[in-house]
Amino acid sequence: MANSGIYWIDVTFDWCVRLLYQWAGWLGLSYEEINVWLFVIILPTGLVLSVFLNFLFLSRMIHQNRQPKF
């Protein structure tokens, strides 16, 4: 499947594609549909939620007169 010329990248990519095909079969979706769900809907939603929660927790720390330790 993958042909980047870098062995570990090709192995990792092939393993992930096979895993997505298995999930697609179990869920009754196509490979393309599961890709859209994962990389267009779930991943961006999780990233935005994570950033929002980080700002929320940081603002709570500041309002409690605690200095964040970076």
PDB file of N, CA and C in Angstrom:
ATOM      1  N   MET A   1       0.825  -1.184   0.000  1.00  0.00           N
ATOM      2  CA  MET A   1       0.000   0.000   0.000  1.00  0.00           C
ATOM      3  C   MET A   1       0.872   1.252   0.000  1.00  0.00           C
ATOM      4  N   ALA A   2       1.540   1.519   1.128  1.00  0.00           N
ATOM      5  CA  ALA A   2       2.362   2.718   1.211  1.00  0.00           C
ATOM      6  C   ALA A   2       3.680   2.472   0.506  1.00  0.00           C
ATOM      7  N   ASN A   3       4.230   3.522  -0.073  1.00  0.00           N
ATOM      8  CA  ASN A   3       5.482   3.388  -0.798  1.00  0.00           C
ATOM      9  C   ASN A   3       6.290   4.676  -0.662  1.00  0.00           C
ATOM     10  N   SER A   4       6.553   5.085   0.579  1.00  0.00           N
ATOM     11  CA  SER A   4       7.304   6.316   0.802  1.00  0.00           C
ATOM     12  C   SER A   4       8.800   6.082   0.727  1.00  0.00           C
ATOM     13  N   GLY A   5       9.208   4.831   0.879  1.00  0.00           N
ATOM     14  CA  GLY A   5      10.625   4.509   0.894  1.00  0.00           C
ATOM     15  C   GLY A   5      11.208   4.481   2.293  1.00  0.00           C
ATOM     16  N   ILE A   6      10.420   4.882   3.282  1.00  0.00           N
ATOM     17  CA  ILE A   6      10.853   4.844   4.679  1.00  0.00           C
ATOM     18  C   ILE A   6      10.085   3.709   5.344  1.00  0.00           C
ATOM     19  N   TYR A   7      10.827   2.674   5.723  1.00  0.00           N
ATOM     20  CA  TYR A   7      10.216   1.421   6.149  1.00  0.00           C
ATOM     21  C   TYR A   7       9.209   1.600   7.275  1.00  0.00           C
ATOM     22  N   TRP A   8       9.609   2.264   8.364  1.00  0.00           N
ATOM     23  CA  TRP A   8       8.721   2.338   9.526  1.00  0.00           C
ATOM     24  C   TRP A   8       7.468   3.151   9.227  1.00  0.00           C
ATOM     25  N   ILE A   9       7.564   4.141   8.357  1.00  0.00           N
ATOM     26  CA  ILE A   9       6.383   4.910   7.976  1.00  0.00           C
ATOM     27  C   ILE A   9       5.437   4.045   7.148  1.00  0.00           C
ATOM     28  N   ASP A  10       5.996   3.272   6.214  1.00  0.00           N
ATOM     29  CA  ASP A  10       5.168   2.397   5.389  1.00  0.00           C
ATOM     30  C   ASP A  10       4.455   1.341   6.228  1.00  0.00           C
ATOM     31  N   VAL A  11       5.176   0.744   7.176  1.00  0.00           N
ATOM     32  CA  VAL A  11       4.578  -0.281   8.041  1.00  0.00           C
ATOM     33  C   VAL A  11       3.472   0.323   8.898  1.00  0.00           C
ATOM     34  N   THR A  12       3.730   1.484   9.490  1.00  0.00           N
ATOM     35  CA  THR A  12       2.733   2.147  10.338  1.00  0.00           C
ATOM     36  C   THR A  12       1.498   2.526   9.533  1.00  0.00           C
ATOM     37  N   PHE A  13       1.704   3.107   8.353  1.00  0.00           N
ATOM     38  CA  PHE A  13       0.584   3.494   7.503  1.00  0.00           C
ATOM     39  C   PHE A  13      -0.247   2.277   7.104  1.00  0.00           C
ATOM     40  N   ASP A  14       0.419   1.207   6.666  1.00  0.00           N
ATOM     41  CA  ASP A  14      -0.301   0.000   6.253  1.00  0.00           C
ATOM     42  C   ASP A  14      -1.105  -0.585   7.409  1.00  0.00           C
ATOM     43  N   TRP A  15      -0.515  -0.591   8.607  1.00  0.00           N
ATOM     44  CA  TRP A  15      -1.210  -1.114   9.775  1.00  0.00           C
ATOM     45  C   TRP A  15      -2.459  -0.280  10.063  1.00  0.00           C
ATOM     46  N   CYS A  16      -2.334   1.046   9.989  1.00  0.00           N
ATOM     47  CA  CYS A  16      -3.474   1.931  10.253  1.00  0.00           C
ATOM     48  C   CYS A  16      -4.576   1.762   9.207  1.00  0.00           C
ATOM     49  N   VAL A  17      -4.196   1.607   7.946  1.00  0.00           N
ATOM     50  CA  VAL A  17      -5.196   1.415   6.892  1.00  0.00           C
ATOM     51  C   VAL A  17      -5.949   0.107   7.114  1.00  0.00           C
ATOM     52  N   ARG A  18      -5.229  -0.951   7.453  1.00  0.00           N
ATOM     53  CA  ARG A  18      -5.900  -2.233   7.730  1.00  0.00           C
ATOM     54  C   ARG A  18      -6.850  -2.111   8.918  1.00  0.00           C
ATOM     55  N   LEU A  19      -6.413  -1.390   9.944  1.00  0.00           N
ATOM     56  CA  LEU A  19      -7.263  -1.184  11.112  1.00  0.00           C
ATOM     57  C   LEU A  19      -8.527  -0.413  10.739  1.00  0.00           C
ATOM     58  N   LEU A  20      -8.392   0.624   9.926  1.00  0.00           N
ATOM     59  CA  LEU A  20      -9.563   1.389   9.494  1.00  0.00           C
ATOM     60  C   LEU A  20     -10.514   0.536   8.665  1.00  0.00           C
ATOM     61  N   TYR A  21      -9.976  -0.327   7.814  1.00  0.00           N
ATOM     62  CA  TYR A  21     -10.835  -1.230   7.047  1.00  0.00           C
ATOM     63  C   TYR A  21     -11.601  -2.181   7.969  1.00  0.00           C
ATOM     64  N   GLN A  22     -10.940  -2.674   9.017  1.00  0.00           N
ATOM     65  CA  GLN A  22     -11.629  -3.551   9.974  1.00  0.00           C
ATOM     66  C   GLN A  22     -12.730  -2.787  10.707  1.00  0.00           C
ATOM     67  N   TRP A  23     -12.416  -1.596  11.194  1.00  0.00           N
ATOM     68  CA  TRP A  23     -13.429  -0.788  11.885  1.00  0.00           C
ATOM     69  C   TRP A  23     -14.591  -0.482  10.963  1.00  0.00           C
ATOM     70  N   ALA A  24     -14.279  -0.150   9.722  1.00  0.00           N
ATOM     71  CA  ALA A  24     -15.337   0.161   8.759  1.00  0.00           C
ATOM     72  C   ALA A  24     -16.259  -1.037   8.578  1.00  0.00           C
ATOM     73  N   GLY A  25     -15.677  -2.226   8.490  1.00  0.00           N
ATOM     74  CA  GLY A  25     -16.477  -3.434   8.350  1.00  0.00           C
ATOM     75  C   GLY A  25     -17.358  -3.681   9.561  1.00  0.00           C
ATOM     76  N   TRP A  26     -16.797  -3.490  10.751  1.00  0.00           N
ATOM     77  CA  TRP A  26     -17.561  -3.713  11.973  1.00  0.00           C
ATOM     78  C   TRP A  26     -18.698  -2.705  12.127  1.00  0.00           C
ATOM     79  N   LEU A  27     -18.451  -1.474  11.675  1.00  0.00           N
ATOM     80  CA  LEU A  27     -19.448  -0.415  11.834  1.00  0.00           C
ATOM     81  C   LEU A  27     -20.408  -0.310  10.654  1.00  0.00           C
ATOM     82  N   GLY A  28     -20.154  -1.074   9.607  1.00  0.00           N
ATOM     83  CA  GLY A  28     -21.018  -1.025   8.436  1.00  0.00           C
ATOM     84  C   GLY A  28     -20.816   0.225   7.600  1.00  0.00           C
ATOM     85  N   LEU A  29     -19.621   0.778   7.637  1.00  0.00           N
ATOM     86  CA  LEU A  29     -19.280   1.966   6.869  1.00  0.00           C
ATOM     87  C   LEU A  29     -18.236   1.620   5.818  1.00  0.00           C
ATOM     88  N   SER A  30     -18.022   2.517   4.881  1.00  0.00           N
ATOM     89  CA  SER A  30     -16.932   2.332   3.926  1.00  0.00           C
ATOM     90  C   SER A  30     -15.659   2.931   4.526  1.00  0.00           C
ATOM     91  N   TYR A  31     -14.527   2.617   3.937  1.00  0.00           N
ATOM     92  CA  TYR A  31     -13.245   3.156   4.376  1.00  0.00           C
ATOM     93  C   TYR A  31     -13.261   4.683   4.288  1.00  0.00           C
ATOM     94  N   GLU A  32     -13.829   5.207   3.212  1.00  0.00           N
ATOM     95  CA  GLU A  32     -13.881   6.659   3.031  1.00  0.00           C
ATOM     96  C   GLU A  32     -14.756   7.319   4.089  1.00  0.00           C
ATOM     97  N   GLU A  33     -15.884   6.687   4.428  1.00  0.00           N
ATOM     98  CA  GLU A  33     -16.768   7.257   5.441  1.00  0.00           C
ATOM     99  C   GLU A  33     -16.096   7.305   6.809  1.00  0.00           C
ATOM    100  N   ILE A  34     -15.394   6.238   7.161  1.00  0.00           N
ATOM    101  CA  ILE A  34     -14.743   6.231   8.468  1.00  0.00           C
ATOM    102  C   ILE A  34     -13.606   7.242   8.503  1.00  0.00           C
ATOM    103  N   ASN A  35     -12.927   7.462   7.376  1.00  0.00           N
ATOM    104  CA  ASN A  35     -11.903   8.507   7.310  1.00  0.00           C
ATOM    105  C   ASN A  35     -12.510   9.884   7.546  1.00  0.00           C
ATOM    106  N   VAL A  36     -13.646  10.157   6.932  1.00  0.00           N
ATOM    107  CA  VAL A  36     -14.308  11.448   7.130  1.00  0.00           C
ATOM    108  C   VAL A  36     -14.708  11.607   8.585  1.00  0.00           C
ATOM    109  N   TRP A  37     -15.309  10.586   9.165  1.00  0.00           N
ATOM    110  CA  TRP A  37     -15.707  10.676  10.563  1.00  0.00           C
ATOM    111  C   TRP A  37     -14.513  10.945  11.468  1.00  0.00           C
ATOM    112  N   LEU A  38     -13.410  10.231  11.249  1.00  0.00           N
ATOM    113  CA  LEU A  38     -12.254  10.390  12.122  1.00  0.00           C
ATOM    114  C   LEU A  38     -11.532  11.716  11.922  1.00  0.00           C
ATOM    115  N   PHE A  39     -11.210  12.044  10.683  1.00  0.00           N
ATOM    116  CA  PHE A  39     -10.292  13.150  10.418  1.00  0.00           C
ATOM    117  C   PHE A  39     -10.974  14.468  10.065  1.00  0.00           C
ATOM    118  N   VAL A  40     -12.269  14.462   9.838  1.00  0.00           N
ATOM    119  CA  VAL A  40     -12.975  15.700   9.523  1.00  0.00           C
ATOM    120  C   VAL A  40     -13.937  16.082  10.653  1.00  0.00           C
ATOM    121  N   ILE A  41     -14.449  15.092  11.377  1.00  0.00           N
ATOM    122  CA  ILE A  41     -15.443  15.379  12.410  1.00  0.00           C
ATOM    123  C   ILE A  41     -14.875  15.162  13.815  1.00  0.00           C
ATOM    124  N   ILE A  42     -14.419  13.964  14.131  1.00  0.00           N
ATOM    125  CA  ILE A  42     -14.022  13.624  15.503  1.00  0.00           C
ATOM    126  C   ILE A  42     -12.730  14.320  15.920  1.00  0.00           C
ATOM    127  N   LEU A  43     -11.682  14.221  15.114  1.00  0.00           N
ATOM    128  CA  LEU A  43     -10.399  14.817  15.488  1.00  0.00           C
ATOM    129  C   LEU A  43     -10.469  16.336  15.648  1.00  0.00           C
ATOM    130  N   PRO A  44     -11.027  17.096  14.689  1.00  0.00           N
ATOM    131  CA  PRO A  44     -11.114  18.544  14.899  1.00  0.00           C
ATOM    132  C   PRO A  44     -11.998  18.926  16.094  1.00  0.00           C
ATOM    133  N   THR A  45     -13.091  18.194  16.306  1.00  0.00           N
ATOM    134  CA  THR A  45     -13.955  18.473  17.457  1.00  0.00           C
ATOM    135  C   THR A  45     -13.196  18.243  18.757  1.00  0.00           C
ATOM    136  N   GLY A  46     -12.457  17.157  18.833  1.00  0.00           N
ATOM    137  CA  GLY A  46     -11.661  16.874  20.030  1.00  0.00           C
ATOM    138  C   GLY A  46     -10.579  17.911  20.259  1.00  0.00           C
ATOM    139  N   LEU A  47      -9.953  18.368  19.196  1.00  0.00           N
ATOM    140  CA  LEU A  47      -8.911  19.378  19.318  1.00  0.00           C
ATOM    141  C   LEU A  47      -9.485  20.707  19.810  1.00  0.00           C
ATOM    142  N   VAL A  48     -10.591  21.143  19.238  1.00  0.00           N
ATOM    143  CA  VAL A  48     -11.224  22.396  19.671  1.00  0.00           C
ATOM    144  C   VAL A  48     -11.688  22.272  21.124  1.00  0.00           C
ATOM    145  N   LEU A  49     -12.267  21.150  21.489  1.00  0.00           N
ATOM    146  CA  LEU A  49     -12.706  20.938  22.868  1.00  0.00           C
ATOM    147  C   LEU A  49     -11.523  20.967  23.830  1.00  0.00           C
ATOM    148  N   SER A  50     -10.421  20.357  23.455  1.00  0.00           N
ATOM    149  CA  SER A  50      -9.223  20.347  24.296  1.00  0.00           C
ATOM    150  C   SER A  50      -8.671  21.752  24.502  1.00  0.00           C
ATOM    151  N   VAL A  51      -8.586  22.528  23.445  1.00  0.00           N
ATOM    152  CA  VAL A  51      -8.097  23.908  23.565  1.00  0.00           C
ATOM    153  C   VAL A  51      -9.042  24.721  24.451  1.00  0.00           C
ATOM    154  N   PHE A  52     -10.329  24.576  24.256  1.00  0.00           N
ATOM    155  CA  PHE A  52     -11.305  25.289  25.075  1.00  0.00           C
ATOM    156  C   PHE A  52     -11.157  24.930  26.555  1.00  0.00           C
ATOM    157  N   LEU A  53     -11.028  23.638  26.853  1.00  0.00           N
ATOM    158  CA  LEU A  53     -10.886  23.215  28.251  1.00  0.00           C
ATOM    159  C   LEU A  53      -9.589  23.719  28.859  1.00  0.00           C
ATOM    160  N   ASN A  54      -8.519  23.765  28.082  1.00  0.00           N
ATOM    161  CA  ASN A  54      -7.258  24.303  28.591  1.00  0.00           C
ATOM    162  C   ASN A  54      -7.403  25.765  28.974  1.00  0.00           C
ATOM    163  N   PHE A  55      -8.053  26.560  28.128  1.00  0.00           N
ATOM    164  CA  PHE A  55      -8.283  27.967  28.467  1.00  0.00           C
ATOM    165  C   PHE A  55      -9.197  28.096  29.682  1.00  0.00           C
ATOM    166  N   LEU A  56     -10.206  27.258  29.777  1.00  0.00           N
ATOM    167  CA  LEU A  56     -11.114  27.289  30.917  1.00  0.00           C
ATOM    168  C   LEU A  56     -10.366  26.981  32.215  1.00  0.00           C
ATOM    169  N   PHE A  57      -9.562  25.931  32.223  1.00  0.00           N
ATOM    170  CA  PHE A  57      -8.812  25.576  33.434  1.00  0.00           C
ATOM    171  C   PHE A  57      -7.778  26.636  33.780  1.00  0.00           C
ATOM    172  N   LEU A  58      -7.139  27.217  32.785  1.00  0.00           N
ATOM    173  CA  LEU A  58      -6.172  28.274  33.031  1.00  0.00           C
ATOM    174  C   LEU A  58      -6.849  29.500  33.634  1.00  0.00           C
ATOM    175  N   SER A  59      -8.008  29.877  33.112  1.00  0.00           N
ATOM    176  CA  SER A  59      -8.713  31.041  33.662  1.00  0.00           C
ATOM    177  C   SER A  59      -9.180  30.767  35.091  1.00  0.00           C
ATOM    178  N   ARG A  60      -9.576  29.546  35.386  1.00  0.00           N
ATOM    179  CA  ARG A  60      -9.973  29.217  36.763  1.00  0.00           C
ATOM    180  C   ARG A  60      -8.785  29.310  37.713  1.00  0.00           C
ATOM    181  N   MET A  61      -7.620  28.862  37.263  1.00  0.00           N
ATOM    182  CA  MET A  61      -6.425  28.963  38.105  1.00  0.00           C
ATOM    183  C   MET A  61      -6.079  30.414  38.379  1.00  0.00           C
ATOM    184  N   ILE A  62      -6.169  31.258  37.372  1.00  0.00           N
ATOM    185  CA  ILE A  62      -5.846  32.672  37.529  1.00  0.00           C
ATOM    186  C   ILE A  62      -6.846  33.336  38.462  1.00  0.00           C
ATOM    187  N   HIS A  63      -8.129  33.002  38.351  1.00  0.00           N
ATOM    188  CA  HIS A  63      -9.153  33.599  39.219  1.00  0.00           C
ATOM    189  C   HIS A  63      -9.048  33.120  40.665  1.00  0.00           C
ATOM    190  N   GLN A  64      -8.410  32.014  40.894  1.00  0.00           N
ATOM    191  CA  GLN A  64      -8.223  31.523  42.257  1.00  0.00           C
ATOM    192  C   GLN A  64      -6.912  32.030  42.853  1.00  0.00           C
ATOM    193  N   ASN A  65      -6.336  33.032  42.195  1.00  0.00           N
ATOM    194  CA  ASN A  65      -5.075  33.634  42.643  1.00  0.00           C
ATOM    195  C   ASN A  65      -3.929  32.640  42.679  1.00  0.00           C
ATOM    196  N   ARG A  66      -3.945  31.710  41.784  1.00  0.00           N
ATOM    197  CA  ARG A  66      -2.826  30.790  41.639  1.00  0.00           C
ATOM    198  C   ARG A  66      -2.119  31.134  40.349  1.00  0.00           C
ATOM    199  N   GLN A  67      -0.858  31.084  40.395  1.00  0.00           N
ATOM    200  CA  GLN A  67      -0.087  31.317  39.190  1.00  0.00           C
ATOM    201  C   GLN A  67       0.178  29.970  38.517  1.00  0.00           C
ATOM    202  N   PRO A  68      -0.113  29.859  37.229  1.00  0.00           N
ATOM    203  CA  PRO A  68       0.174  28.595  36.553  1.00  0.00           C
ATOM    204  C   PRO A  68       1.680  28.341  36.493  1.00  0.00           C
ATOM    205  N   LYS A  69       2.051  27.113  36.690  1.00  0.00           N
ATOM    206  CA  LYS A  69       3.473  26.731  36.663  1.00  0.00           C
ATOM    207  C   LYS A  69       3.770  26.100  35.317  1.00  0.00           C
ATOM    208  N   PHE A  70       4.466  26.833  34.496  1.00  0.00           N
ATOM    209  CA  PHE A  70       4.797  26.332  33.165  1.00  0.00           C
ATOM    210  C   PHE A  70       6.210  25.818  33.138  1.00  0.00           C
TER     211      PHE A  70
END
